[in-house]
Amino acid sequence: MIREIKIRHAAEMIAQEDSSIKEIAFQIGFADTKYFTQSFKQVFGCTPSEYRKEYKKKGWNAPFMNWTEKKIIPFLCIF
C-alpha cells in the first residue's frame, strides 16, 4: 500500500516536473531504478517514460484533479 502511494506521487511528479525518472525515483525513496520502473508498471500499466510521453503527447498540463478532495489523480496508461 505504501509503495503504491509512493508510485502515485511519482506519477504526479513525472507529469509536472522535468526531473529525470531516476531523480524522481530517488526522491520518493527508490534506490533501484529498475525496481521503481517495475513497480510503476504494475500500478499504471506502462513505464514511467511511457507515462511522461503520453502525458505530454495528449497535451495535458496537469493530471486529472479530484476537486472534492483537492487531490491529483494520475491517469492509467491505456494505449
N, C-alpha and C. Protein backbone atom coordinates (compact mmCIF):
# COMPACT_ATOMS: atom_id res chain seq x y z
N MET A 1 0.82 -1.19 0.00
CA MET A 1 0.00 0.00 0.00
C MET A 1 0.87 1.26 0.00
N ILE A 2 1.88 1.31 0.85
CA ILE A 2 2.76 2.47 0.90
C ILE A 2 3.50 2.63 -0.42
N ARG A 3 3.92 1.50 -0.98
CA ARG A 3 4.62 1.55 -2.27
C ARG A 3 3.72 2.15 -3.34
N GLU A 4 2.46 1.77 -3.36
CA GLU A 4 1.53 2.31 -4.37
C GLU A 4 1.32 3.82 -4.17
N ILE A 5 1.25 4.26 -2.94
CA ILE A 5 1.11 5.69 -2.67
C ILE A 5 2.33 6.44 -3.19
N LYS A 6 3.51 5.88 -2.96
CA LYS A 6 4.75 6.50 -3.46
C LYS A 6 4.74 6.54 -4.98
N ILE A 7 4.29 5.47 -5.61
CA ILE A 7 4.26 5.40 -7.07
C ILE A 7 3.28 6.44 -7.63
N ARG A 8 2.15 6.60 -7.00
CA ARG A 8 1.17 7.60 -7.45
C ARG A 8 1.72 9.02 -7.28
N HIS A 9 2.46 9.23 -6.21
CA HIS A 9 3.10 10.53 -6.03
C HIS A 9 4.15 10.75 -7.13
N ALA A 10 4.90 9.70 -7.44
CA ALA A 10 5.90 9.79 -8.52
C ALA A 10 5.23 10.14 -9.84
N ALA A 11 4.05 9.57 -10.10
CA ALA A 11 3.33 9.86 -11.35
C ALA A 11 3.00 11.34 -11.44
N GLU A 12 2.60 11.93 -10.32
CA GLU A 12 2.33 13.37 -10.31
C GLU A 12 3.60 14.15 -10.65
N MET A 13 4.70 13.73 -10.05
CA MET A 13 5.98 14.41 -10.29
C MET A 13 6.41 14.25 -11.75
N ILE A 14 6.25 13.05 -12.29
CA ILE A 14 6.63 12.78 -13.68
C ILE A 14 5.83 13.68 -14.62
N ALA A 15 4.54 13.85 -14.32
CA ALA A 15 3.68 14.66 -15.17
C ALA A 15 3.98 16.15 -15.05
N GLN A 16 4.41 16.61 -13.88
CA GLN A 16 4.53 18.03 -13.63
C GLN A 16 5.95 18.57 -13.68
N GLU A 17 6.93 17.71 -13.50
CA GLU A 17 8.31 18.17 -13.40
C GLU A 17 9.14 17.69 -14.59
N ASP A 18 10.27 18.36 -14.79
CA ASP A 18 11.19 17.94 -15.85
C ASP A 18 12.36 17.13 -15.30
N SER A 19 12.31 16.77 -14.03
CA SER A 19 13.36 15.96 -13.43
C SER A 19 13.42 14.61 -14.14
N SER A 20 14.59 13.99 -14.11
CA SER A 20 14.72 12.67 -14.73
C SER A 20 13.96 11.64 -13.91
N ILE A 21 13.63 10.54 -14.55
CA ILE A 21 12.93 9.45 -13.88
C ILE A 21 13.78 8.94 -12.71
N LYS A 22 15.06 8.84 -12.92
CA LYS A 22 15.96 8.36 -11.88
C LYS A 22 15.94 9.30 -10.66
N GLU A 23 15.95 10.60 -10.91
CA GLU A 23 15.89 11.58 -9.82
C GLU A 23 14.58 11.47 -9.05
N ILE A 24 13.49 11.32 -9.77
CA ILE A 24 12.18 11.21 -9.12
C ILE A 24 12.10 9.93 -8.30
N ALA A 25 12.59 8.83 -8.86
CA ALA A 25 12.60 7.56 -8.12
C ALA A 25 13.37 7.71 -6.81
N PHE A 26 14.51 8.35 -6.87
CA PHE A 26 15.33 8.56 -5.68
C PHE A 26 14.62 9.46 -4.68
N GLN A 27 13.97 10.51 -5.16
CA GLN A 27 13.28 11.46 -4.28
C GLN A 27 12.15 10.81 -3.49
N ILE A 28 11.50 9.81 -4.07
CA ILE A 28 10.41 9.16 -3.34
C ILE A 28 10.86 7.91 -2.58
N GLY A 29 12.16 7.62 -2.64
CA GLY A 29 12.70 6.55 -1.80
C GLY A 29 13.07 5.26 -2.50
N PHE A 30 13.18 5.26 -3.81
CA PHE A 30 13.61 4.07 -4.55
C PHE A 30 15.06 4.25 -4.97
N ALA A 31 15.95 3.43 -4.43
CA ALA A 31 17.36 3.49 -4.80
C ALA A 31 17.62 2.74 -6.11
N ASP A 32 16.76 1.78 -6.42
CA ASP A 32 16.91 0.94 -7.60
C ASP A 32 15.91 1.38 -8.68
N THR A 33 16.42 1.98 -9.74
CA THR A 33 15.54 2.49 -10.81
C THR A 33 14.78 1.36 -11.50
N LYS A 34 15.42 0.21 -11.64
CA LYS A 34 14.76 -0.92 -12.29
C LYS A 34 13.54 -1.37 -11.47
N TYR A 35 13.71 -1.45 -10.16
CA TYR A 35 12.60 -1.84 -9.28
C TYR A 35 11.49 -0.78 -9.32
N PHE A 36 11.88 0.48 -9.35
CA PHE A 36 10.90 1.57 -9.45
C PHE A 36 10.09 1.42 -10.74
N THR A 37 10.77 1.19 -11.85
CA THR A 37 10.09 1.04 -13.14
C THR A 37 9.13 -0.14 -13.13
N GLN A 38 9.57 -1.27 -12.56
CA GLN A 38 8.70 -2.45 -12.46
C GLN A 38 7.47 -2.15 -11.60
N SER A 39 7.69 -1.48 -10.49
CA SER A 39 6.58 -1.13 -9.58
C SER A 39 5.62 -0.16 -10.25
N PHE A 40 6.15 0.82 -10.95
CA PHE A 40 5.33 1.80 -11.66
C PHE A 40 4.47 1.09 -12.70
N LYS A 41 5.06 0.17 -13.43
CA LYS A 41 4.34 -0.54 -14.47
C LYS A 41 3.22 -1.40 -13.89
N GLN A 42 3.43 -1.95 -12.70
CA GLN A 42 2.38 -2.74 -12.05
C GLN A 42 1.17 -1.86 -11.70
N VAL A 43 1.42 -0.64 -11.31
CA VAL A 43 0.34 0.26 -10.91
C VAL A 43 -0.34 0.90 -12.11
N PHE A 44 0.43 1.37 -13.09
CA PHE A 44 -0.12 2.16 -14.20
C PHE A 44 -0.18 1.44 -15.54
N GLY A 45 0.47 0.30 -15.67
CA GLY A 45 0.40 -0.44 -16.93
C GLY A 45 1.36 0.06 -17.99
N CYS A 46 2.29 0.93 -17.62
CA CYS A 46 3.31 1.42 -18.55
C CYS A 46 4.52 1.88 -17.74
N THR A 47 5.61 2.09 -18.43
CA THR A 47 6.82 2.56 -17.75
C THR A 47 6.68 4.06 -17.44
N PRO A 48 7.49 4.56 -16.52
CA PRO A 48 7.45 5.99 -16.23
C PRO A 48 7.73 6.85 -17.47
N SER A 49 8.64 6.40 -18.32
CA SER A 49 8.95 7.15 -19.55
C SER A 49 7.76 7.18 -20.50
N GLU A 50 7.09 6.04 -20.65
CA GLU A 50 5.90 5.99 -21.50
C GLU A 50 4.80 6.88 -20.92
N TYR A 51 4.68 6.89 -19.60
CA TYR A 51 3.69 7.73 -18.93
C TYR A 51 3.93 9.19 -19.25
N ARG A 52 5.17 9.62 -19.09
CA ARG A 52 5.51 11.03 -19.37
C ARG A 52 5.26 11.36 -20.84
N LYS A 53 5.66 10.46 -21.72
CA LYS A 53 5.50 10.68 -23.16
C LYS A 53 4.02 10.82 -23.52
N GLU A 54 3.18 9.93 -23.02
CA GLU A 54 1.74 10.00 -23.30
C GLU A 54 1.13 11.26 -22.71
N TYR A 55 1.57 11.60 -21.53
CA TYR A 55 1.05 12.79 -20.86
C TYR A 55 1.31 14.04 -21.69
N LYS A 56 2.54 14.17 -22.16
CA LYS A 56 2.90 15.34 -22.97
C LYS A 56 2.25 15.27 -24.36
N LYS A 57 2.15 14.06 -24.91
CA LYS A 57 1.57 13.87 -26.24
C LYS A 57 0.11 14.32 -26.26
N LYS A 58 -0.60 14.03 -25.19
CA LYS A 58 -2.02 14.39 -25.14
C LYS A 58 -2.22 15.86 -24.81
N GLY A 59 -1.13 16.56 -24.49
CA GLY A 59 -1.21 17.99 -24.26
C GLY A 59 -1.81 18.39 -22.93
N TRP A 60 -1.83 17.46 -21.99
CA TRP A 60 -2.37 17.80 -20.67
C TRP A 60 -1.34 18.60 -19.91
N ASN A 61 -1.78 19.66 -19.26
CA ASN A 61 -0.88 20.49 -18.48
C ASN A 61 -0.82 20.06 -17.03
N ALA A 62 -1.81 19.35 -16.57
CA ALA A 62 -1.83 18.88 -15.19
C ALA A 62 -2.62 17.58 -15.13
N PRO A 63 -2.33 16.73 -14.15
CA PRO A 63 -3.10 15.50 -14.01
C PRO A 63 -4.56 15.80 -13.71
N PHE A 64 -5.42 14.78 -13.85
CA PHE A 64 -6.82 14.96 -13.50
C PHE A 64 -6.91 15.39 -12.05
N MET A 65 -7.84 16.27 -11.78
CA MET A 65 -7.97 16.79 -10.42
C MET A 65 -9.31 16.33 -9.84
N ASN A 66 -9.26 15.76 -8.65
CA ASN A 66 -10.46 15.42 -7.90
C ASN A 66 -10.77 16.65 -7.06
N TRP A 67 -11.69 17.48 -7.53
CA TRP A 67 -11.93 18.77 -6.89
C TRP A 67 -12.57 18.65 -5.52
N THR A 68 -13.30 17.57 -5.27
CA THR A 68 -13.93 17.44 -3.96
C THR A 68 -12.89 17.19 -2.87
N GLU A 69 -11.85 16.43 -3.20
CA GLU A 69 -10.80 16.15 -2.22
C GLU A 69 -9.55 16.99 -2.48
N LYS A 70 -9.56 17.75 -3.56
CA LYS A 70 -8.42 18.57 -3.97
C LYS A 70 -7.14 17.74 -4.06
N LYS A 71 -7.28 16.59 -4.69
CA LYS A 71 -6.14 15.71 -4.90
C LYS A 71 -5.98 15.45 -6.39
N ILE A 72 -4.74 15.28 -6.80
CA ILE A 72 -4.44 14.96 -8.19
C ILE A 72 -4.61 13.46 -8.39
N ILE A 73 -5.26 13.09 -9.48
CA ILE A 73 -5.47 11.68 -9.80
C ILE A 73 -4.75 11.37 -11.11
N PRO A 74 -3.61 10.71 -11.06
CA PRO A 74 -2.91 10.36 -12.30
C PRO A 74 -3.74 9.38 -13.14
N PHE A 75 -3.59 9.46 -14.44
CA PHE A 75 -4.31 8.57 -15.32
C PHE A 75 -3.59 7.25 -15.48
N LEU A 76 -4.31 6.22 -15.89
CA LEU A 76 -3.71 4.93 -16.20
C LEU A 76 -3.33 4.93 -17.67
N CYS A 77 -2.25 4.25 -17.99
CA CYS A 77 -1.83 4.15 -19.39
C CYS A 77 -2.71 3.16 -20.12
N ILE A 78 -3.43 3.64 -21.09
CA ILE A 78 -4.26 2.79 -21.93
C ILE A 78 -3.96 3.19 -23.36
N PHE A 79 -3.14 2.41 -24.01
CA PHE A 79 -2.73 2.75 -25.38
C PHE A 79 -3.58 2.01 -26.38
